[in-house]
C-alpha atoms as a PDB file:
ATOM      1  CA  UNK A   1      74.826 104.911 116.971  1.00  0.00           C
ATOM      2  CA  UNK A   2      74.233 101.003 116.547  1.00  0.00           C
ATOM      3  CA  UNK A   3      75.415  99.675 113.446  1.00  0.00           C
ATOM      4  CA  UNK A   4      73.110  98.513 111.014  1.00  0.00           C
ATOM      5  CA  UNK A   5      74.090  94.999 109.429  1.00  0.00           C
ATOM      6  CA  UNK A   6      73.572  96.041 105.682  1.00  0.00           C
ATOM      7  CA  UNK A   7      74.994  94.455 102.584  1.00  0.00           C
ATOM      8  CA  UNK A   8      76.884  96.859 101.036  1.00  0.00           C
ATOM      9  CA  UNK A   9      76.575  97.063  97.186  1.00  0.00           C
ATOM     10  CA  UNK A  10      79.896  95.925  96.379  1.00  0.00           C
ATOM     11  CA  UNK A  11      81.403  92.463  95.340  1.00  0.00           C
ATOM     12  CA  UNK A  12      84.524  90.583  94.158  1.00  0.00           C
ATOM     13  CA  UNK A  13      82.619  91.145  91.039  1.00  0.00           C
ATOM     14  CA  UNK A  14      83.152  95.195  91.517  1.00  0.00           C
ATOM     15  CA  UNK A  15      87.095  94.953  92.528  1.00  0.00           C
ATOM     16  CA  UNK A  16      87.699  92.736  89.267  1.00  0.00           C
ATOM     17  CA  UNK A  17      85.510  95.515  87.221  1.00  0.00           C
ATOM     18  CA  UNK A  18      87.887  97.994  88.850  1.00  0.00           C
ATOM     19  CA  UNK A  19      90.641  96.189  88.196  1.00  0.00           C
ATOM     20  CA  UNK A  20      90.141  96.338  84.125  1.00  0.00           C
ATOM     21  CA  UNK A  21      88.888 100.030  84.353  1.00  0.00           C
ATOM     22  CA  UNK A  22      91.930 101.340  86.142  1.00  0.00           C
ATOM     23  CA  UNK A  23      94.376  99.315  83.919  1.00  0.00           C
ATOM     24  CA  UNK A  24      96.966 102.169  82.878  1.00  0.00           C
ATOM     25  CA  UNK A  25      95.678 104.636  85.195  1.00  0.00           C
ATOM     26  CA  UNK A  26      97.379 103.360  88.201  1.00  0.00           C
ATOM     27  CA  UNK A  27     100.836 101.498  88.809  1.00  0.00           C
ATOM     28  CA  UNK A  28     101.194  97.456  89.736  1.00  0.00           C
ATOM     29  CA  UNK A  29     103.187  98.589  93.115  1.00  0.00           C
ATOM     30  CA  UNK A  30     105.802  96.275  93.889  1.00  0.00           C
ATOM     31  CA  UNK A  31     106.217  93.825  96.860  1.00  0.00           C
ATOM     32  CA  UNK A  32     109.414  93.437  98.512  1.00  0.00           C
ATOM     33  CA  UNK A  33     110.886  91.320 101.700  1.00  0.00           C
ATOM     34  CA  UNK A  34     114.228  92.872 103.487  1.00  0.00           C
ATOM     35  CA  UNK A  35     116.304  91.027 106.149  1.00  0.00           C
ATOM     36  CA  UNK A  36     115.623  93.491 108.788  1.00  0.00           C
ATOM     37  CA  UNK A  37     112.301  93.514 108.816  1.00  0.00           C
ATOM     38  CA  UNK A  38     112.599  89.823 109.077  1.00  0.00           C
ATOM     39  CA  UNK A  39     114.744  89.789 112.027  1.00  0.00           C
ATOM     40  CA  UNK A  40     113.041  92.612 114.129  1.00  0.00           C
ATOM     41  CA  UNK A  41     109.474  90.926 113.710  1.00  0.00           C
ATOM     42  CA  UNK A  42     110.351  87.227 114.050  1.00  0.00           C
ATOM     43  CA  UNK A  43     108.004  87.036 110.633  1.00  0.00           C
ATOM     44  CA  UNK A  44     108.175  86.460 106.913  1.00  0.00           C
ATOM     45  CA  UNK A  45     107.128  90.039 106.185  1.00  0.00           C
ATOM     46  CA  UNK A  46     106.215  91.025 102.737  1.00  0.00           C
ATOM     47  CA  UNK A  47     105.959  94.447 101.967  1.00  0.00           C
ATOM     48  CA  UNK A  48     103.167  95.870  99.391  1.00  0.00           C
ATOM     49  CA  UNK A  49     104.678  99.376  98.318  1.00  0.00           C
ATOM     50  CA  UNK A  50     101.708 101.565  97.556  1.00  0.00           C
ATOM     51  CA  UNK A  51     103.576 104.707  98.512  1.00  0.00           C
ATOM     52  CA  UNK A  52     105.425 103.984  95.110  1.00  0.00           C
ATOM     53  CA  UNK A  53     101.742 104.232  93.679  1.00  0.00           C
ATOM     54  CA  UNK A  54     100.682 107.916  91.647  1.00  0.00           C
ATOM     55  CA  UNK A  55     100.302 110.343  94.314  1.00  0.00           C
ATOM     56  CA  UNK A  56     101.847 108.391  96.840  1.00  0.00           C
ATOM     57  CA  UNK A  57      99.431 106.511  98.311  1.00  0.00           C
ATOM     58  CA  UNK A  58      96.763 103.921  97.327  1.00  0.00           C
ATOM     59  CA  UNK A  59      93.858 106.378  97.413  1.00  0.00           C
ATOM     60  CA  UNK A  60      94.339 106.877  94.079  1.00  0.00           C
ATOM     61  CA  UNK A  61      92.993 103.829  93.324  1.00  0.00           C
ATOM     62  CA  UNK A  62      89.476 104.628  94.471  1.00  0.00           C
ATOM     63  CA  UNK A  63      89.267 107.812  93.540  1.00  0.00           C
ATOM     64  CA  UNK A  64      89.711 106.908  90.028  1.00  0.00           C
ATOM     65  CA  UNK A  65      87.253 103.995  89.740  1.00  0.00           C
ATOM     66  CA  UNK A  66      84.952 106.306  91.570  1.00  0.00           C
ATOM     67  CA  UNK A  67      85.275 109.245  88.665  1.00  0.00           C
ATOM     68  CA  UNK A  68      86.013 106.714  85.894  1.00  0.00           C
ATOM     69  CA  UNK A  69      82.339 105.442  86.375  1.00  0.00           C
ATOM     70  CA  UNK A  70      80.390 108.868  86.829  1.00  0.00           C
ATOM     71  CA  UNK A  71      78.363 109.768  84.165  1.00  0.00           C
ATOM     72  CA  UNK A  72      79.462 113.011  82.026  1.00  0.00           C
ATOM     73  CA  UNK A  73      76.599 114.748  83.382  1.00  0.00           C
ATOM     74  CA  UNK A  74      77.856 113.634  86.758  1.00  0.00           C
ATOM     75  CA  UNK A  75      81.551 115.189  86.562  1.00  0.00           C
ATOM     76  CA  UNK A  76      80.070 118.165  84.889  1.00  0.00           C
ATOM     77  CA  UNK A  77      78.789 119.108  88.274  1.00  0.00           C
ATOM     78  CA  UNK A  78      82.000 118.662  90.007  1.00  0.00           C
ATOM     79  CA  UNK A  79      83.386 117.061  92.846  1.00  0.00           C
ATOM     80  CA  UNK A  80      84.135 118.057  96.450  1.00  0.00           C
ATOM     81  CA  UNK A  81      85.662 115.984  99.119  1.00  0.00           C
ATOM     82  CA  UNK A  82      87.224 116.169 102.350  1.00  0.00           C
ATOM     83  CA  UNK A  83      90.653 114.854 103.985  1.00  0.00           C
ATOM     84  CA  UNK A  84      93.435 115.094 105.840  1.00  0.00           C
ATOM     85  CA  UNK A  85      95.759 114.492 102.596  1.00  0.00           C
ATOM     86  CA  UNK A  86      95.769 111.115 100.939  1.00  0.00           C
ATOM     87  CA  UNK A  87      92.182 110.960  99.665  1.00  0.00           C
ATOM     88  CA  UNK A  88      92.605 114.793  98.623  1.00  0.00           C
ATOM     89  CA  UNK A  89      95.155 113.884  96.515  1.00  0.00           C
ATOM     90  CA  UNK A  90      93.794 110.796  94.976  1.00  0.00           C
ATOM     91  CA  UNK A  91      90.386 112.704  94.210  1.00  0.00           C
ATOM     92  CA  UNK A  92      92.387 115.819  92.806  1.00  0.00           C
ATOM     93  CA  UNK A  93      94.560 113.124  90.810  1.00  0.00           C
ATOM     94  CA  UNK A  94      91.219 111.145  89.164  1.00  0.00           C
ATOM     95  CA  UNK A  95      89.632 114.763  88.375  1.00  0.00           C
ATOM     96  CA  UNK A  96      92.203 116.132  86.295  1.00  0.00           C
ATOM     97  CA  UNK A  97      92.601 112.989  84.890  1.00  0.00           C
ATOM     98  CA  UNK A  98      88.720 112.921  83.974  1.00  0.00           C
ATOM     99  CA  UNK A  99      88.507 117.054  83.439  1.00  0.00           C
ATOM    100  CA  UNK A 100      86.266 117.379  86.561  1.00  0.00           C
ATOM    101  CA  UNK A 101      86.069 120.505  88.839  1.00  0.00           C
ATOM    102  CA  UNK A 102      87.144 119.851  92.182  1.00  0.00           C
ATOM    103  CA  UNK A 103      87.319 120.897  95.307  1.00  0.00           C
ATOM    104  CA  UNK A 104      88.821 119.677  98.302  1.00  0.00           C
ATOM    105  CA  UNK A 105      88.000 120.772 101.932  1.00  0.00           C
ATOM    106  CA  UNK A 106      91.271 119.666 104.320  1.00  0.00           C
ATOM    107  CA  UNK A 107      91.771 121.173 108.371  1.00  0.00           C
ATOM    108  CA  UNK A 108      93.564 123.859 108.755  1.00  0.00           C
ATOM    109  CA  UNK A 109      97.236 122.847 109.549  1.00  0.00           C
ATOM    110  CA  UNK A 110      97.539 119.891 106.705  1.00  0.00           C
ATOM    111  CA  UNK A 111     100.423 118.071 105.898  1.00  0.00           C
ATOM    112  CA  UNK A 112     102.669 120.568 103.632  1.00  0.00           C
ATOM    113  CA  UNK A 113     103.679 118.139 101.378  1.00  0.00           C
ATOM    114  CA  UNK A 114     100.104 116.826 101.041  1.00  0.00           C
ATOM    115  CA  UNK A 115      98.582 120.002 100.569  1.00  0.00           C
ATOM    116  CA  UNK A 116     101.097 121.204  98.094  1.00  0.00           C
ATOM    117  CA  UNK A 117     100.268 117.892  95.990  1.00  0.00           C
ATOM    118  CA  UNK A 118      96.803 118.279  95.795  1.00  0.00           C
ATOM    119  CA  UNK A 119      97.335 122.178  94.283  1.00  0.00           C
ATOM    120  CA  UNK A 120      99.618 120.600  92.205  1.00  0.00           C
ATOM    121  CA  UNK A 121      96.830 118.189  90.596  1.00  0.00           C
ATOM    122  CA  UNK A 122      95.060 121.847  89.936  1.00  0.00           C
ATOM    123  CA  UNK A 123      92.194 121.558  92.918  1.00  0.00           C
ATOM    124  CA  UNK A 124      90.770 123.884  94.721  1.00  0.00           C
ATOM    125  CA  UNK A 125      91.575 123.635  98.218  1.00  0.00           C
ATOM    126  CA  UNK A 126      89.729 124.979 100.942  1.00  0.00           C
ATOM    127  CA  UNK A 127      91.123 124.869 104.819  1.00  0.00           C
ATOM    128  CA  UNK A 128      88.542 124.593 107.442  1.00  0.00           C
ATOM    129  CA  UNK A 129      88.026 123.079 110.868  1.00  0.00           C
ATOM    130  CA  UNK A 130      90.787 122.033 113.289  1.00  0.00           C
ATOM    131  CA  UNK A 131      90.037 118.540 112.730  1.00  0.00           C
ATOM    132  CA  UNK A 132      88.834 115.645 109.631  1.00  0.00           C
ATOM    133  CA  UNK A 133      85.388 115.705 111.015  1.00  0.00           C
ATOM    134  CA  UNK A 134      85.277 119.410 110.965  1.00  0.00           C
ATOM    135  CA  UNK A 135      86.645 119.553 107.546  1.00  0.00           C
ATOM    136  CA  UNK A 136      83.748 116.534 106.655  1.00  0.00           C
ATOM    137  CA  UNK A 137      81.046 118.896 107.900  1.00  0.00           C
ATOM    138  CA  UNK A 138      82.162 121.963 105.591  1.00  0.00           C
ATOM    139  CA  UNK A 139      82.602 119.701 102.369  1.00  0.00           C
ATOM    140  CA  UNK A 140      79.111 118.297 102.901  1.00  0.00           C
ATOM    141  CA  UNK A 141      77.661 121.655 103.530  1.00  0.00           C
ATOM    142  CA  UNK A 142      79.665 123.166 100.166  1.00  0.00           C
ATOM    143  CA  UNK A 143      78.294 119.842  98.123  1.00  0.00           C
ATOM    144  CA  UNK A 144      74.382 120.753  99.369  1.00  0.00           C
ATOM    145  CA  UNK A 145      74.980 124.172  98.278  1.00  0.00           C
ATOM    146  CA  UNK A 146      76.585 123.414  94.963  1.00  0.00           C
ATOM    147  CA  UNK A 147      75.280 120.697  93.754  1.00  0.00           C
ATOM    148  CA  UNK A 148      78.658 118.654  93.060  1.00  0.00           C
ATOM    149  CA  UNK A 149      79.229 115.271  94.045  1.00  0.00           C
ATOM    150  CA  UNK A 150      80.156 114.617  97.668  1.00  0.00           C
ATOM    151  CA  UNK A 151      83.226 112.235  97.538  1.00  0.00           C
ATOM    152  CA  UNK A 152      83.691 110.578 100.999  1.00  0.00           C
ATOM    153  CA  UNK A 153      86.901 108.439 101.746  1.00  0.00           C
ATOM    154  CA  UNK A 154      84.522 105.633 103.590  1.00  0.00           C
ATOM    155  CA  UNK A 155      81.008 105.036 102.600  1.00  0.00           C
ATOM    156  CA  UNK A 156      81.848 104.883  98.978  1.00  0.00           C
ATOM    157  CA  UNK A 157      81.433 101.271  97.539  1.00  0.00           C
ATOM    158  CA  UNK A 158      83.186 102.542  94.146  1.00  0.00           C
ATOM    159  CA  UNK A 159      86.029 103.622  96.342  1.00  0.00           C
ATOM    160  CA  UNK A 160      85.950 100.078  98.226  1.00  0.00           C
ATOM    161  CA  UNK A 161      85.978  98.328  94.950  1.00  0.00           C
ATOM    162  CA  UNK A 162      88.709 100.418  93.198  1.00  0.00           C
ATOM    163  CA  UNK A 163      91.353 100.024  96.837  1.00  0.00           C
ATOM    164  CA  UNK A 164      90.289  96.207  96.428  1.00  0.00           C
ATOM    165  CA  UNK A 165      92.708  96.302  93.272  1.00  0.00           C
ATOM    166  CA  UNK A 166      95.618  96.322  94.946  1.00  0.00           C
ATOM    167  CA  UNK A 167      94.478  93.315  97.495  1.00  0.00           C
ATOM    168  CA  UNK A 168      93.935  91.318  94.286  1.00  0.00           C
ATOM    169  CA  UNK A 169      97.412  92.276  93.102  1.00  0.00           C
ATOM    170  CA  UNK A 170      99.416  91.515  96.567  1.00  0.00           C
ATOM    171  CA  UNK A 171      97.493  88.076  96.771  1.00  0.00           C
ATOM    172  CA  UNK A 172      98.990  87.480  93.007  1.00  0.00           C
ATOM    173  CA  UNK A 173     102.114  88.608  93.909  1.00  0.00           C
ATOM    174  CA  UNK A 174     102.479  86.826  97.118  1.00  0.00           C
ATOM    175  CA  UNK A 175     100.726  83.978  97.285  1.00  0.00           C
ATOM    176  CA  UNK A 176     100.318  81.626 100.758  1.00  0.00           C
ATOM    177  CA  UNK A 177     100.083  84.587 103.296  1.00  0.00           C
ATOM    178  CA  UNK A 178      98.975  83.257 106.960  1.00  0.00           C
ATOM    179  CA  UNK A 179      98.040  87.067 107.693  1.00  0.00           C
ATOM    180  CA  UNK A 180      97.329  90.438 106.145  1.00  0.00           C
ATOM    181  CA  UNK A 181      97.446  93.650 108.621  1.00  0.00           C
ATOM    182  CA  UNK A 182      95.741  96.755 106.748  1.00  0.00           C
ATOM    183  CA  UNK A 183      95.582 100.073 108.382  1.00  0.00           C
ATOM    184  CA  UNK A 184      92.531 101.688 109.278  1.00  0.00           C
ATOM    185  CA  UNK A 185      91.272 105.462 108.932  1.00  0.00           C
ATOM    186  CA  UNK A 186      87.947 105.320 107.560  1.00  0.00           C
ATOM    187  CA  UNK A 187      88.164 101.805 106.444  1.00  0.00           C
ATOM    188  CA  UNK A 188      88.177 101.674 102.799  1.00  0.00           C
ATOM    189  CA  UNK A 189      91.424  99.630 102.641  1.00  0.00           C
ATOM    190  CA  UNK A 190      90.620  96.857 105.346  1.00  0.00           C
ATOM    191  CA  UNK A 191      86.903  96.533 104.137  1.00  0.00           C
ATOM    192  CA  UNK A 192      88.735  95.701 100.541  1.00  0.00           C
ATOM    193  CA  UNK A 193      91.125  93.416 101.847  1.00  0.00           C
ATOM    194  CA  UNK A 194      88.758  91.550 103.966  1.00  0.00           C
ATOM    195  CA  UNK A 195      86.483  91.264 100.713  1.00  0.00           C
ATOM    196  CA  UNK A 196      89.137  90.378  98.412  1.00  0.00           C
ATOM    197  CA  UNK A 197      90.509  87.651 101.047  1.00  0.00           C
ATOM    198  CA  UNK A 198      87.293  86.122 101.311  1.00  0.00           C
ATOM    199  CA  UNK A 199      86.851  85.673  97.690  1.00  0.00           C
ATOM    200  CA  UNK A 200      90.587  84.318  96.691  1.00  0.00           C
ATOM    201  CA  UNK A 201      92.494  83.509  99.902  1.00  0.00           C
ATOM    202  CA  UNK A 202      90.007  82.589 102.231  1.00  0.00           C
ATOM    203  CA  UNK A 203      92.695  80.881 104.701  1.00  0.00           C
ATOM    204  CA  UNK A 204      94.314  84.238 105.132  1.00  0.00           C
ATOM    205  CA  UNK A 205      93.639  86.067 108.777  1.00  0.00           C
ATOM    206  CA  UNK A 206      93.062  90.284 108.052  1.00  0.00           C
ATOM    207  CA  UNK A 207      93.773  92.317 110.687  1.00  0.00           C
ATOM    208  CA  UNK A 208      93.209  95.912 110.975  1.00  0.00           C
ATOM    209  CA  UNK A 209      95.022  98.288 112.748  1.00  0.00           C
ATOM    210  CA  UNK A 210      94.632 101.732 113.894  1.00  0.00           C
ATOM    211  CA  UNK A 211      96.230 104.410 116.182  1.00  0.00           C
ATOM    212  CA  UNK A 212      95.198 104.476 120.059  1.00  0.00           C
ATOM    213  CA  UNK A 213      95.074 108.244 119.774  1.00  0.00           C
ATOM    214  CA  UNK A 214      92.399 107.883 117.353  1.00  0.00           C
ATOM    215  CA  UNK A 215      90.126 104.752 118.042  1.00  0.00           C
ATOM    216  CA  UNK A 216      86.982 105.248 116.631  1.00  0.00           C
ATOM    217  CA  UNK A 217      87.360 102.798 114.017  1.00  0.00           C
ATOM    218  CA  UNK A 218      88.340  99.970 116.110  1.00  0.00           C
ATOM    219  CA  UNK A 219      86.027 100.949 118.673  1.00  0.00           C
ATOM    220  CA  UNK A 220      83.126 100.839 116.224  1.00  0.00           C
ATOM    221  CA  UNK A 221      84.265  97.348 115.029  1.00  0.00           C
ATOM    222  CA  UNK A 222      84.770  95.876 118.566  1.00  0.00           C
ATOM    223  CA  UNK A 223      81.108  97.378 119.884  1.00  0.00           C
ATOM    224  CA  UNK A 224      79.174  96.881 116.967  1.00  0.00           C
ATOM    225  CA  UNK A 225      77.924 100.374 116.944  1.00  0.00           C
ATOM    226  CA  UNK A 226      79.328 103.418 115.051  1.00  0.00           C
ATOM    227  CA  UNK A 227      80.672 105.411 117.657  1.00  0.00           C
ATOM    228  CA  UNK A 228      82.952 108.906 118.108  1.00  0.00           C
ATOM    229  CA  UNK A 229      86.310 109.414 119.824  1.00  0.00           C
ATOM    230  CA  UNK A 230      88.851 111.673 120.473  1.00  0.00           C
ATOM    231  CA  UNK A 231      90.778 112.483 117.267  1.00  0.00           C
ATOM    232  CA  UNK A 232      94.215 113.021 118.465  1.00  0.00           C
ATOM    233  CA  UNK A 233      96.447 110.746 116.526  1.00  0.00           C
ATOM    234  CA  UNK A 234      99.951 112.668 114.714  1.00  0.00           C
ATOM    235  CA  UNK A 235      99.419 110.264 111.791  1.00  0.00           C
ATOM    236  CA  UNK A 236      97.003 112.047 110.084  1.00  0.00           C
ATOM    237  CA  UNK A 237      95.766 108.895 107.355  1.00  0.00           C
ATOM    238  CA  UNK A 238      94.368 107.724 110.822  1.00  0.00           C
ATOM    239  CA  UNK A 239      92.906 110.496 111.967  1.00  0.00           C
ATOM    240  CA  UNK A 240      89.265 110.241 112.011  1.00  0.00           C
ATOM    241  CA  UNK A 241      86.768 110.837 114.981  1.00  0.00           C
ATOM    242  CA  UNK A 242      83.726 108.170 113.684  1.00  0.00           C
ATOM    243  CA  UNK A 243      82.869 105.207 112.591  1.00  0.00           C
ATOM    244  CA  UNK A 244      81.138 104.714 109.042  1.00  0.00           C
ATOM    245  CA  UNK A 245      78.519 102.131 108.086  1.00  0.00           C
ATOM    246  CA  UNK A 246      79.530 100.851 104.759  1.00  0.00           C
ATOM    247  CA  UNK A 247      83.320 100.179 105.619  1.00  0.00           C
ATOM    248  CA  UNK A 248      82.276  98.755 109.226  1.00  0.00           C
ATOM    249  CA  UNK A 249      79.759  96.385 107.935  1.00  0.00           C
ATOM    250  CA  UNK A 250      82.125  94.520 105.703  1.00  0.00           C
ATOM    251  CA  UNK A 251      85.022  94.553 108.356  1.00  0.00           C
ATOM    252  CA  UNK A 252      82.581  93.229 110.650  1.00  0.00           C
ATOM    253  CA  UNK A 253      81.999  90.537 108.344  1.00  0.00           C
ATOM    254  CA  UNK A 254      85.448  89.745 107.122  1.00  0.00           C
ATOM    255  CA  UNK A 255      88.481  90.654 109.749  1.00  0.00           C
ATOM    256  CA  UNK A 256      89.654  88.537 112.005  1.00  0.00           C
ATOM    257  CA  UNK A 257      90.918  91.054 114.403  1.00  0.00           C
ATOM    258  CA  UNK A 258      91.499  94.946 115.198  1.00  0.00           C
ATOM    259  CA  UNK A 259      94.273  95.928 117.041  1.00  0.00           C
ATOM    260  CA  UNK A 260      95.369  99.437 118.206  1.00  0.00           C
ATOM    261  CA  UNK A 261      99.009 100.922 118.340  1.00  0.00           C
ATOM    262  CA  UNK A 262     100.468 104.019 119.828  1.00  0.00           C
ATOM    263  CA  UNK A 263     102.114 106.705 117.683  1.00  0.00           C
ATOM    264  CA  UNK A 264     105.373 106.292 119.582  1.00  0.00           C
ATOM    265  CA  UNK A 265     105.287 102.310 118.207  1.00  0.00           C
ATOM    266  CA  UNK A 266     104.455 104.048 114.644  1.00  0.00           C
ATOM    267  CA  UNK A 267     107.174 106.022 114.597  1.00  0.00           C
ATOM    268  CA  UNK A 268     109.516 103.549 115.453  1.00  0.00           C
ATOM    269  CA  UNK A 269     108.096 101.453 112.300  1.00  0.00           C
ATOM    270  CA  UNK A 270     109.031 104.339 110.185  1.00  0.00           C
ATOM    271  CA  UNK A 271     112.240 104.331 111.420  1.00  0.00           C
ATOM    272  CA  UNK A 272     112.907 100.314 110.596  1.00  0.00           C
ATOM    273  CA  UNK A 273     111.227 101.060 106.870  1.00  0.00           C
ATOM    274  CA  UNK A 274     113.788 104.070 106.458  1.00  0.00           C
ATOM    275  CA  UNK A 275     116.876 102.021 107.950  1.00  0.00           C
ATOM    276  CA  UNK A 276     115.664  98.394 107.082  1.00  0.00           C
ATOM    277  CA  UNK A 277     113.782  99.078 103.817  1.00  0.00           C
ATOM    278  CA  UNK A 278     114.825 101.994 102.126  1.00  0.00           C
ATOM    279  CA  UNK A 279     111.251 103.064 102.452  1.00  0.00           C
ATOM    280  CA  UNK A 280     110.026 106.464 103.112  1.00  0.00           C
ATOM    281  CA  UNK A 281     106.473 105.557 105.332  1.00  0.00           C
ATOM    282  CA  UNK A 282     104.388 108.218 106.671  1.00  0.00           C
ATOM    283  CA  UNK A 283     102.624 107.549 109.677  1.00  0.00           C
ATOM    284  CA  UNK A 284      99.524 105.418 108.710  1.00  0.00           C
ATOM    285  CA  UNK A 285     101.857 103.969 105.993  1.00  0.00           C
ATOM    286  CA  UNK A 286     103.737 102.267 108.875  1.00  0.00           C
ATOM    287  CA  UNK A 287     101.023 101.280 111.061  1.00  0.00           C
ATOM    288  CA  UNK A 288     100.918  97.737 109.636  1.00  0.00           C
ATOM    289  CA  UNK A 289     104.074  96.940 110.327  1.00  0.00           C
ATOM    290  CA  UNK A 290     103.882  98.678 114.005  1.00  0.00           C
ATOM    291  CA  UNK A 291     101.002  96.048 114.763  1.00  0.00           C
ATOM    292  CA  UNK A 292     103.728  93.017 113.794  1.00  0.00           C
ATOM    293  CA  UNK A 293     106.282  94.873 115.594  1.00  0.00           C
ATOM    294  CA  UNK A 294     104.351  95.245 118.971  1.00  0.00           C
ATOM    295  CA  UNK A 295     102.577  91.596 119.148  1.00  0.00           C
ATOM    296  CA  UNK A 296     105.951  89.348 118.130  1.00  0.00           C
ATOM    297  CA  UNK A 297     104.504  86.213 119.438  1.00  0.00           C
ATOM    298  CA  UNK A 298     101.466  86.579 117.488  1.00  0.00           C
ATOM    299  CA  UNK A 299     103.106  86.718 113.905  1.00  0.00           C
ATOM    300  CA  UNK A 300     106.603  85.033 114.606  1.00  0.00           C
ATOM    301  CA  UNK A 301     107.192  82.302 112.275  1.00  0.00           C
ATOM    302  CA  UNK A 302     104.343  83.121 110.128  1.00  0.00           C
ATOM    303  CA  UNK A 303     103.789  84.868 106.695  1.00  0.00           C
ATOM    304  CA  UNK A 304     102.768  88.456 106.871  1.00  0.00           C
ATOM    305  CA  UNK A 305     101.484  90.586 104.309  1.00  0.00           C
ATOM    306  CA  UNK A 306     101.610  94.581 105.106  1.00  0.00           C
ATOM    307  CA  UNK A 307     100.809  97.558 102.749  1.00  0.00           C
ATOM    308  CA  UNK A 308     102.643 100.534 102.962  1.00  0.00           C
ATOM    309  CA  UNK A 309      99.782 102.418 102.266  1.00  0.00           C
ATOM    310  CA  UNK A 310     101.244 105.943 101.541  1.00  0.00           C
ATOM    311  CA  UNK A 311     104.969 107.724 101.470  1.00  0.00           C
ATOM    312  CA  UNK A 312     103.712 111.449 102.009  1.00  0.00           C
ATOM    313  CA  UNK A 313     105.374 111.965 104.898  1.00  0.00           C
ATOM    314  CA  UNK A 314     106.115 115.359 106.621  1.00  0.00           C
ATOM    315  CA  UNK A 315     109.741 116.541 107.148  1.00  0.00           C
ATOM    316  CA  UNK A 316     108.674 116.673 110.835  1.00  0.00           C
ATOM    317  CA  UNK A 317     107.833 112.962 110.827  1.00  0.00           C
ATOM    318  CA  UNK A 318     110.917 111.999 108.763  1.00  0.00           C
ATOM    319  CA  UNK A 319     113.429 114.186 111.382  1.00  0.00           C
ATOM    320  CA  UNK A 320     111.414 112.302 114.459  1.00  0.00           C
ATOM    321  CA  UNK A 321     112.022 108.763 112.756  1.00  0.00           C
ATOM    322  CA  UNK A 322     115.729 109.718 111.921  1.00  0.00           C
ATOM    323  CA  UNK A 323     116.005 110.807 115.640  1.00  0.00           C
ATOM    324  CA  UNK A 324     115.341 107.368 116.650  1.00  0.00           C
ATOM    325  CA  UNK A 325     117.429 105.757 114.474  1.00  0.00           C
ATOM    326  CA  UNK A 326     120.154 107.864 115.792  1.00  0.00           C
ATOM    327  CA  UNK A 327     119.751 107.416 119.469  1.00  0.00           C
ATOM    328  CA  UNK A 328     121.123 109.417 121.810  1.00  0.00           C
ATOM    329  CA  UNK A 329     124.267 111.424 121.373  1.00  0.00           C
ATOM    330  CA  UNK A 330     127.643 110.076 122.588  1.00  0.00           C
ATOM    331  CA  UNK A 331     129.020 111.254 125.545  1.00  0.00           C
END
């Protein structure tokens, strides 16, 4: 489907309003610099630790901004969301915060860490479909039947504005960035990053990254059309099989480039986070670092901002990363 160049109703003023609305609701997460990351990349790398955010991922920002901005009558009808995990946790957290009934549709075999966290927030969970896209279809039908508000992870200006608050913080905490690298599933993070950078740091390049095993957003951006692609990455936060109009419109206006990394490169970045930055990163949370590691000539000698967008890694992910760190057993 051809991408229509609309002007989404989200601006830097909306991001500033979200920052005020979210004061006390989300954490102003820290940034860190680590010698091992500098040695491995040849760049001056600054990490924004959204893995230390409420729910362990940046998604709490956007979901909280959306639900806090709803009227009491809208919240009374409840919300329905679909997610592989972090958006689910964000919506469930915001629903508990605002006293809103919440149903989350997740794929059949979710990350158990994320499933448990959603249930702990008090949301009702329905497991439906093998993929994010099948869960999305079920959630859409459920919302239409019940009258609840469907809360998507991408085509939501209020979510993009809420996510933008993390980039306002980052530019305040780490001024002088030459480039900012942002992972993409549905694209709320990269579209927010580009919007904020254009307003407060126009000299900073913004580069998006997605898994080559689920390249729908990447291919949509490069082609100028909303496309569907195979959706096979094991990094569930990047596991989206189609592009979305609102986020693609913002990304096409503000991104410098959009690149791909392999799942193995993501695992390598998770290992480096563990051993070099004492940081647990889930697959999507390590994708930005993976992009810097994969193209050292592009980033060497530059001040590079990356966001560890989430730390909700499964035991399987951590075992895989640690196995790389340990290397082959000695003879």
